[in-house]
Amino acid sequence: MYAIEFEADIKGEFIRLPQFEKLKNRHVKVIVLTEESPEELQGEKAPAPPRRPAKVPPMHFKGDVIDTVPGSDWDLA
């Protein structure tokens, strides 16, 4: 088993993984630990507002996307 341990201050919803290239396209289990219990954390701040979906940039295609694959690749029979 291979493990990477690191500490981070979470400022947003994304965490940058060190040595990401070694983990790319692999199944991993992510465990988040904090020193405070959830009960202690609730007393510190007001509840966070509901989360919105991430903003995804629009996709743009240049040219004919279907034409980029040879016609023989479409013959599935």
PDB file of N, CA and C in Angstrom:
ATOM      1  N   MET A   1       0.842  -1.175   0.000  1.00  0.00           N
ATOM      2  CA  MET A   1       0.000   0.000   0.000  1.00  0.00           C
ATOM      3  C   MET A   1       0.888   1.239   0.000  1.00  0.00           C
ATOM      4  N   TYR A   2       0.452   2.263  -0.723  1.00  0.00           N
ATOM      5  CA  TYR A   2       1.202   3.509  -0.853  1.00  0.00           C
ATOM      6  C   TYR A   2       0.393   4.632  -0.218  1.00  0.00           C
ATOM      7  N   ALA A   3       1.018   5.472   0.577  1.00  0.00           N
ATOM      8  CA  ALA A   3       0.287   6.548   1.241  1.00  0.00           C
ATOM      9  C   ALA A   3       1.047   7.858   1.129  1.00  0.00           C
ATOM     10  N   ILE A   4       0.303   8.938   1.013  1.00  0.00           N
ATOM     11  CA  ILE A   4       0.866  10.290   1.054  1.00  0.00           C
ATOM     12  C   ILE A   4       0.180  11.000   2.207  1.00  0.00           C
ATOM     13  N   GLU A   5       0.949  11.516   3.115  1.00  0.00           N
ATOM     14  CA  GLU A   5       0.377  12.253   4.238  1.00  0.00           C
ATOM     15  C   GLU A   5       0.819  13.695   4.124  1.00  0.00           C
ATOM     16  N   PHE A   6      -0.118  14.623   4.283  1.00  0.00           N
ATOM     17  CA  PHE A   6       0.218  16.037   4.247  1.00  0.00           C
ATOM     18  C   PHE A   6      -0.813  16.798   5.057  1.00  0.00           C
ATOM     19  N   GLU A   7      -0.467  17.997   5.458  1.00  0.00           N
ATOM     20  CA  GLU A   7      -1.397  18.852   6.180  1.00  0.00           C
ATOM     21  C   GLU A   7      -1.697  20.058   5.316  1.00  0.00           C
ATOM     22  N   ALA A   8      -2.918  20.577   5.434  1.00  0.00           N
ATOM     23  CA  ALA A   8      -3.310  21.726   4.623  1.00  0.00           C
ATOM     24  C   ALA A   8      -4.296  22.581   5.396  1.00  0.00           C
ATOM     25  N   ASP A   9      -4.249  23.883   5.158  1.00  0.00           N
ATOM     26  CA  ASP A   9      -5.269  24.796   5.656  1.00  0.00           C
ATOM     27  C   ASP A   9      -6.311  24.911   4.555  1.00  0.00           C
ATOM     28  N   ILE A  10      -7.527  24.504   4.848  1.00  0.00           N
ATOM     29  CA  ILE A  10      -8.572  24.497   3.830  1.00  0.00           C
ATOM     30  C   ILE A  10      -9.170  25.894   3.737  1.00  0.00           C
ATOM     31  N   LYS A  11      -9.037  26.496   2.562  1.00  0.00           N
ATOM     32  CA  LYS A  11      -9.554  27.839   2.312  1.00  0.00           C
ATOM     33  C   LYS A  11     -10.781  27.798   1.412  1.00  0.00           C
ATOM     34  N   GLY A  12     -10.973  26.721   0.694  1.00  0.00           N
ATOM     35  CA  GLY A  12     -12.098  26.584  -0.216  1.00  0.00           C
ATOM     36  C   GLY A  12     -12.479  25.118  -0.303  1.00  0.00           C
ATOM     37  N   GLU A  13     -13.270  24.776  -1.323  1.00  0.00           N
ATOM     38  CA  GLU A  13     -13.758  23.406  -1.421  1.00  0.00           C
ATOM     39  C   GLU A  13     -12.780  22.457  -2.105  1.00  0.00           C
ATOM     40  N   PHE A  14     -11.679  22.948  -2.630  1.00  0.00           N
ATOM     41  CA  PHE A  14     -10.724  22.105  -3.336  1.00  0.00           C
ATOM     42  C   PHE A  14      -9.419  22.012  -2.552  1.00  0.00           C
ATOM     43  N   ILE A  15      -8.820  20.840  -2.560  1.00  0.00           N
ATOM     44  CA  ILE A  15      -7.529  20.607  -1.904  1.00  0.00           C
ATOM     45  C   ILE A  15      -6.554  20.136  -2.976  1.00  0.00           C
ATOM     46  N   ARG A  16      -5.411  20.785  -3.065  1.00  0.00           N
ATOM     47  CA  ARG A  16      -4.387  20.381  -4.028  1.00  0.00           C
ATOM     48  C   ARG A  16      -3.609  19.207  -3.448  1.00  0.00           C
ATOM     49  N   LEU A  17      -3.530  18.123  -4.230  1.00  0.00           N
ATOM     50  CA  LEU A  17      -2.838  16.921  -3.770  1.00  0.00           C
ATOM     51  C   LEU A  17      -1.374  16.967  -4.185  1.00  0.00           C
ATOM     52  N   PRO A  18      -0.458  16.820  -3.225  1.00  0.00           N
ATOM     53  CA  PRO A  18       0.938  16.724  -3.613  1.00  0.00           C
ATOM     54  C   PRO A  18       1.177  15.401  -4.337  1.00  0.00           C
ATOM     55  N   GLN A  19       2.092  15.397  -5.266  1.00  0.00           N
ATOM     56  CA  GLN A  19       2.443  14.205  -6.045  1.00  0.00           C
ATOM     57  C   GLN A  19       1.217  13.625  -6.748  1.00  0.00           C
ATOM     58  N   PHE A  20       0.374  14.503  -7.282  1.00  0.00           N
ATOM     59  CA  PHE A  20      -0.858  14.093  -7.956  1.00  0.00           C
ATOM     60  C   PHE A  20      -0.599  13.111  -9.091  1.00  0.00           C
ATOM     61  N   GLU A  21       0.492  13.278  -9.803  1.00  0.00           N
ATOM     62  CA  GLU A  21       0.781  12.437 -10.965  1.00  0.00           C
ATOM     63  C   GLU A  21       0.859  10.957 -10.585  1.00  0.00           C
ATOM     64  N   LYS A  22       1.347  10.658  -9.387  1.00  0.00           N
ATOM     65  CA  LYS A  22       1.462   9.265  -8.951  1.00  0.00           C
ATOM     66  C   LYS A  22       0.089   8.648  -8.665  1.00  0.00           C
ATOM     67  N   LEU A  23      -0.919   9.493  -8.407  1.00  0.00           N
ATOM     68  CA  LEU A  23      -2.242   8.998  -8.050  1.00  0.00           C
ATOM     69  C   LEU A  23      -3.229   9.054  -9.207  1.00  0.00           C
ATOM     70  N   LYS A  24      -2.874   9.724 -10.278  1.00  0.00           N
ATOM     71  CA  LYS A  24      -3.798   9.928 -11.391  1.00  0.00           C
ATOM     72  C   LYS A  24      -4.253   8.588 -11.977  1.00  0.00           C
ATOM     73  N   ASN A  25      -5.552   8.503 -12.261  1.00  0.00           N
ATOM     74  CA  ASN A  25      -6.185   7.314 -12.840  1.00  0.00           C
ATOM     75  C   ASN A  25      -6.089   6.090 -11.928  1.00  0.00           C
ATOM     76  N   ARG A  26      -6.089   6.312 -10.623  1.00  0.00           N
ATOM     77  CA  ARG A  26      -6.067   5.216  -9.655  1.00  0.00           C
ATOM     78  C   ARG A  26      -7.222   5.388  -8.678  1.00  0.00           C
ATOM     79  N   HIS A  27      -7.654   4.288  -8.096  1.00  0.00           N
ATOM     80  CA  HIS A  27      -8.687   4.335  -7.062  1.00  0.00           C
ATOM     81  C   HIS A  27      -7.999   4.669  -5.738  1.00  0.00           C
ATOM     82  N   VAL A  28      -8.507   5.689  -5.030  1.00  0.00           N
ATOM     83  CA  VAL A  28      -7.927   6.076  -3.742  1.00  0.00           C
ATOM     84  C   VAL A  28      -9.034   6.249  -2.715  1.00  0.00           C
ATOM     85  N   LYS A  29      -8.663   6.206  -1.455  1.00  0.00           N
ATOM     86  CA  LYS A  29      -9.578   6.525  -0.364  1.00  0.00           C
ATOM     87  C   LYS A  29      -9.033   7.782   0.303  1.00  0.00           C
ATOM     88  N   VAL A  30      -9.875   8.779   0.451  1.00  0.00           N
ATOM     89  CA  VAL A  30      -9.463  10.042   1.052  1.00  0.00           C
ATOM     90  C   VAL A  30     -10.040  10.117   2.456  1.00  0.00           C
ATOM     91  N   ILE A  31      -9.189  10.410   3.433  1.00  0.00           N
ATOM     92  CA  ILE A  31      -9.600  10.529   4.824  1.00  0.00           C
ATOM     93  C   ILE A  31      -9.233  11.927   5.296  1.00  0.00           C
ATOM     94  N   VAL A  32     -10.205  12.660   5.836  1.00  0.00           N
ATOM     95  CA  VAL A  32      -9.959  14.010   6.337  1.00  0.00           C
ATOM     96  C   VAL A  32     -10.042  13.973   7.854  1.00  0.00           C
ATOM     97  N   LEU A  33      -9.003  14.434   8.508  1.00  0.00           N
ATOM     98  CA  LEU A  33      -8.950  14.460   9.971  1.00  0.00           C
ATOM     99  C   LEU A  33      -8.815  15.898  10.447  1.00  0.00           C
ATOM    100  N   THR A  34      -9.429  16.212  11.573  1.00  0.00           N
ATOM    101  CA  THR A  34      -9.253  17.504  12.214  1.00  0.00           C
ATOM    102  C   THR A  34      -9.121  17.268  13.712  1.00  0.00           C
ATOM    103  N   GLU A  35      -8.454  18.174  14.387  1.00  0.00           N
ATOM    104  CA  GLU A  35      -8.238  17.988  15.817  1.00  0.00           C
ATOM    105  C   GLU A  35      -9.504  18.264  16.627  1.00  0.00           C
ATOM    106  N   GLU A  36     -10.399  19.116  16.117  1.00  0.00           N
ATOM    107  CA  GLU A  36     -11.624  19.436  16.834  1.00  0.00           C
ATOM    108  C   GLU A  36     -12.728  18.457  16.435  1.00  0.00           C
ATOM    109  N   SER A  37     -13.637  18.194  17.369  1.00  0.00           N
ATOM    110  CA  SER A  37     -14.789  17.356  17.052  1.00  0.00           C
ATOM    111  C   SER A  37     -15.819  18.207  16.303  1.00  0.00           C
ATOM    112  N   PRO A  38     -16.749  17.568  15.584  1.00  0.00           N
ATOM    113  CA  PRO A  38     -17.779  18.343  14.885  1.00  0.00           C
ATOM    114  C   PRO A  38     -18.597  19.229  15.835  1.00  0.00           C
ATOM    115  N   GLU A  39     -18.827  18.778  17.060  1.00  0.00           N
ATOM    116  CA  GLU A  39     -19.574  19.583  18.025  1.00  0.00           C
ATOM    117  C   GLU A  39     -18.809  20.853  18.372  1.00  0.00           C
ATOM    118  N   GLU A  40     -17.493  20.767  18.524  1.00  0.00           N
ATOM    119  CA  GLU A  40     -16.688  21.951  18.828  1.00  0.00           C
ATOM    120  C   GLU A  40     -16.680  22.922  17.658  1.00  0.00           C
ATOM    121  N   LEU A  41     -16.661  22.398  16.450  1.00  0.00           N
ATOM    122  CA  LEU A  41     -16.630  23.256  15.270  1.00  0.00           C
ATOM    123  C   LEU A  41     -17.952  23.994  15.082  1.00  0.00           C
ATOM    124  N   GLN A  42     -19.078  23.386  15.418  1.00  0.00           N
ATOM    125  CA  GLN A  42     -20.374  24.027  15.243  1.00  0.00           C
ATOM    126  C   GLN A  42     -20.521  25.260  16.123  1.00  0.00           C
ATOM    127  N   GLY A  43     -19.930  25.262  17.285  1.00  0.00           N
ATOM    128  CA  GLY A  43     -20.063  26.398  18.188  1.00  0.00           C
ATOM    129  C   GLY A  43     -19.245  27.609  17.771  1.00  0.00           C
ATOM    130  N   GLU A  44     -18.279  27.445  16.879  1.00  0.00           N
ATOM    131  CA  GLU A  44     -17.380  28.542  16.508  1.00  0.00           C
ATOM    132  C   GLU A  44     -18.013  29.545  15.553  1.00  0.00           C
ATOM    133  N   LYS A  45     -18.742  29.073  14.540  1.00  0.00           N
ATOM    134  CA  LYS A  45     -19.224  29.950  13.481  1.00  0.00           C
ATOM    135  C   LYS A  45     -20.686  29.658  13.179  1.00  0.00           C
ATOM    136  N   ALA A  46     -21.302  30.613  12.510  1.00  0.00           N
ATOM    137  CA  ALA A  46     -22.661  30.394  12.020  1.00  0.00           C
ATOM    138  C   ALA A  46     -22.605  29.357  10.909  1.00  0.00           C
ATOM    139  N   PRO A  47     -23.683  28.625  10.681  1.00  0.00           N
ATOM    140  CA  PRO A  47     -23.666  27.607   9.626  1.00  0.00           C
ATOM    141  C   PRO A  47     -23.378  28.236   8.259  1.00  0.00           C
ATOM    142  N   ALA A  48     -22.677  27.497   7.454  1.00  0.00           N
ATOM    143  CA  ALA A  48     -22.329  27.974   6.112  1.00  0.00           C
ATOM    144  C   ALA A  48     -23.575  28.003   5.238  1.00  0.00           C
ATOM    145  N   PRO A  49     -23.625  28.946   4.282  1.00  0.00           N
ATOM    146  CA  PRO A  49     -24.771  28.970   3.368  1.00  0.00           C
ATOM    147  C   PRO A  49     -24.772  27.722   2.499  1.00  0.00           C
ATOM    148  N   PRO A  50     -25.927  27.352   1.948  1.00  0.00           N
ATOM    149  CA  PRO A  50     -25.975  26.164   1.092  1.00  0.00           C
ATOM    150  C   PRO A  50     -25.016  26.298  -0.089  1.00  0.00           C
ATOM    151  N   ARG A  51     -24.413  25.193  -0.460  1.00  0.00           N
ATOM    152  CA  ARG A  51     -23.435  25.204  -1.549  1.00  0.00           C
ATOM    153  C   ARG A  51     -24.140  25.224  -2.891  1.00  0.00           C
ATOM    154  N   ARG A  52     -23.523  25.899  -3.841  1.00  0.00           N
ATOM    155  CA  ARG A  52     -24.002  25.910  -5.217  1.00  0.00           C
ATOM    156  C   ARG A  52     -23.114  24.994  -6.033  1.00  0.00           C
ATOM    157  N   PRO A  53     -23.608  24.485  -7.153  1.00  0.00           N
ATOM    158  CA  PRO A  53     -22.749  23.666  -8.014  1.00  0.00           C
ATOM    159  C   PRO A  53     -21.545  24.475  -8.499  1.00  0.00           C
ATOM    160  N   ALA A  54     -20.459  23.777  -8.758  1.00  0.00           N
ATOM    161  CA  ALA A  54     -19.250  24.435  -9.256  1.00  0.00           C
ATOM    162  C   ALA A  54     -19.527  25.073 -10.618  1.00  0.00           C
ATOM    163  N   LYS A  55     -18.871  26.187 -10.878  1.00  0.00           N
ATOM    164  CA  LYS A  55     -19.015  26.842 -12.175  1.00  0.00           C
ATOM    165  C   LYS A  55     -18.086  26.153 -13.170  1.00  0.00           C
ATOM    166  N   VAL A  56     -18.661  25.665 -14.228  1.00  0.00           N
ATOM    167  CA  VAL A  56     -17.903  24.963 -15.255  1.00  0.00           C
ATOM    168  C   VAL A  56     -17.846  25.851 -16.490  1.00  0.00           C
ATOM    169  N   PRO A  57     -16.658  26.074 -17.029  1.00  0.00           N
ATOM    170  CA  PRO A  57     -16.588  26.930 -18.215  1.00  0.00           C
ATOM    171  C   PRO A  57     -17.319  26.293 -19.391  1.00  0.00           C
ATOM    172  N   PRO A  58     -17.903  27.110 -20.253  1.00  0.00           N
ATOM    173  CA  PRO A  58     -18.619  26.555 -21.408  1.00  0.00           C
ATOM    174  C   PRO A  58     -17.667  25.836 -22.355  1.00  0.00           C
ATOM    175  N   MET A  59     -18.197  24.812 -23.042  1.00  0.00           N
ATOM    176  CA  MET A  59     -17.396  24.057 -24.001  1.00  0.00           C
ATOM    177  C   MET A  59     -17.634  24.620 -25.392  1.00  0.00           C
ATOM    178  N   HIS A  60     -16.561  24.741 -26.153  1.00  0.00           N
ATOM    179  CA  HIS A  60     -16.657  25.217 -27.527  1.00  0.00           C
ATOM    180  C   HIS A  60     -15.978  24.212 -28.432  1.00  0.00           C
ATOM    181  N   PHE A  61     -16.642  23.838 -29.507  1.00  0.00           N
ATOM    182  CA  PHE A  61     -16.071  22.917 -30.478  1.00  0.00           C
ATOM    183  C   PHE A  61     -15.707  23.687 -31.734  1.00  0.00           C
ATOM    184  N   LYS A  62     -14.547  23.386 -32.267  1.00  0.00           N
ATOM    185  CA  LYS A  62     -14.107  24.025 -33.510  1.00  0.00           C
ATOM    186  C   LYS A  62     -14.171  23.000 -34.626  1.00  0.00           C
ATOM    187  N   GLY A  63     -14.879  23.328 -35.668  1.00  0.00           N
ATOM    188  CA  GLY A  63     -14.977  22.419 -36.794  1.00  0.00           C
ATOM    189  C   GLY A  63     -16.021  21.353 -36.567  1.00  0.00           C
ATOM    190  N   ASP A  64     -16.021  20.353 -37.435  1.00  0.00           N
ATOM    191  CA  ASP A  64     -16.982  19.256 -37.372  1.00  0.00           C
ATOM    192  C   ASP A  64     -16.415  18.145 -36.490  1.00  0.00           C
ATOM    193  N   VAL A  65     -16.978  17.975 -35.313  1.00  0.00           N
ATOM    194  CA  VAL A  65     -16.466  16.999 -34.353  1.00  0.00           C
ATOM    195  C   VAL A  65     -16.633  15.581 -34.893  1.00  0.00           C
ATOM    196  N   ILE A  66     -17.738  15.285 -35.532  1.00  0.00           N
ATOM    197  CA  ILE A  66     -18.000  13.946 -36.059  1.00  0.00           C
ATOM    198  C   ILE A  66     -16.998  13.595 -37.151  1.00  0.00           C
ATOM    199  N   ASP A  67     -16.552  14.566 -37.892  1.00  0.00           N
ATOM    200  CA  ASP A  67     -15.655  14.324 -39.016  1.00  0.00           C
ATOM    201  C   ASP A  67     -14.230  13.982 -38.572  1.00  0.00           C
ATOM    202  N   THR A  68     -13.923  14.073 -37.290  1.00  0.00           N
ATOM    203  CA  THR A  68     -12.562  13.808 -36.829  1.00  0.00           C
ATOM    204  C   THR A  68     -12.252  12.327 -36.695  1.00  0.00           C
ATOM    205  N   VAL A  69     -13.265  11.454 -36.817  1.00  0.00           N
ATOM    206  CA  VAL A  69     -13.081  10.011 -36.694  1.00  0.00           C
ATOM    207  C   VAL A  69     -13.381   9.385 -38.046  1.00  0.00           C
ATOM    208  N   PRO A  70     -12.558   8.440 -38.505  1.00  0.00           N
ATOM    209  CA  PRO A  70     -12.837   7.788 -39.786  1.00  0.00           C
ATOM    210  C   PRO A  70     -14.195   7.110 -39.777  1.00  0.00           C
ATOM    211  N   GLY A  71     -14.867   7.079 -40.910  1.00  0.00           N
ATOM    212  CA  GLY A  71     -16.188   6.479 -41.020  1.00  0.00           C
ATOM    213  C   GLY A  71     -16.197   5.014 -40.619  1.00  0.00           C
ATOM    214  N   SER A  72     -15.098   4.300 -40.858  1.00  0.00           N
ATOM    215  CA  SER A  72     -15.057   2.879 -40.495  1.00  0.00           C
ATOM    216  C   SER A  72     -15.190   2.650 -38.993  1.00  0.00           C
ATOM    217  N   ASP A  73     -14.809   3.624 -38.173  1.00  0.00           N
ATOM    218  CA  ASP A  73     -14.936   3.492 -36.719  1.00  0.00           C
ATOM    219  C   ASP A  73     -16.382   3.546 -36.256  1.00  0.00           C
ATOM    220  N   TRP A  74     -17.291   4.062 -37.091  1.00  0.00           N
ATOM    221  CA  TRP A  74     -18.701   4.146 -36.736  1.00  0.00           C
ATOM    222  C   TRP A  74     -19.448   2.844 -37.052  1.00  0.00           C
ATOM    223  N   ASP A  75     -18.849   1.927 -37.798  1.00  0.00           N
ATOM    224  CA  ASP A  75     -19.493   0.667 -38.138  1.00  0.00           C
ATOM    225  C   ASP A  75     -19.362  -0.292 -36.950  1.00  0.00           C
ATOM    226  N   LEU A  76     -20.397  -0.396 -36.162  1.00  0.00           N
ATOM    227  CA  LEU A  76     -20.358  -1.232 -34.958  1.00  0.00           C
ATOM    228  C   LEU A  76     -20.856  -2.645 -35.192  1.00  0.00           C
ATOM    229  N   ALA A  77     -21.421  -2.910 -36.361  1.00  0.00           N
ATOM    230  CA  ALA A  77     -21.987  -4.252 -36.638  1.00  0.00           C
ATOM    231  C   ALA A  77     -20.917  -5.234 -36.999  1.00  0.00           C
TER     232      ALA A  77
END
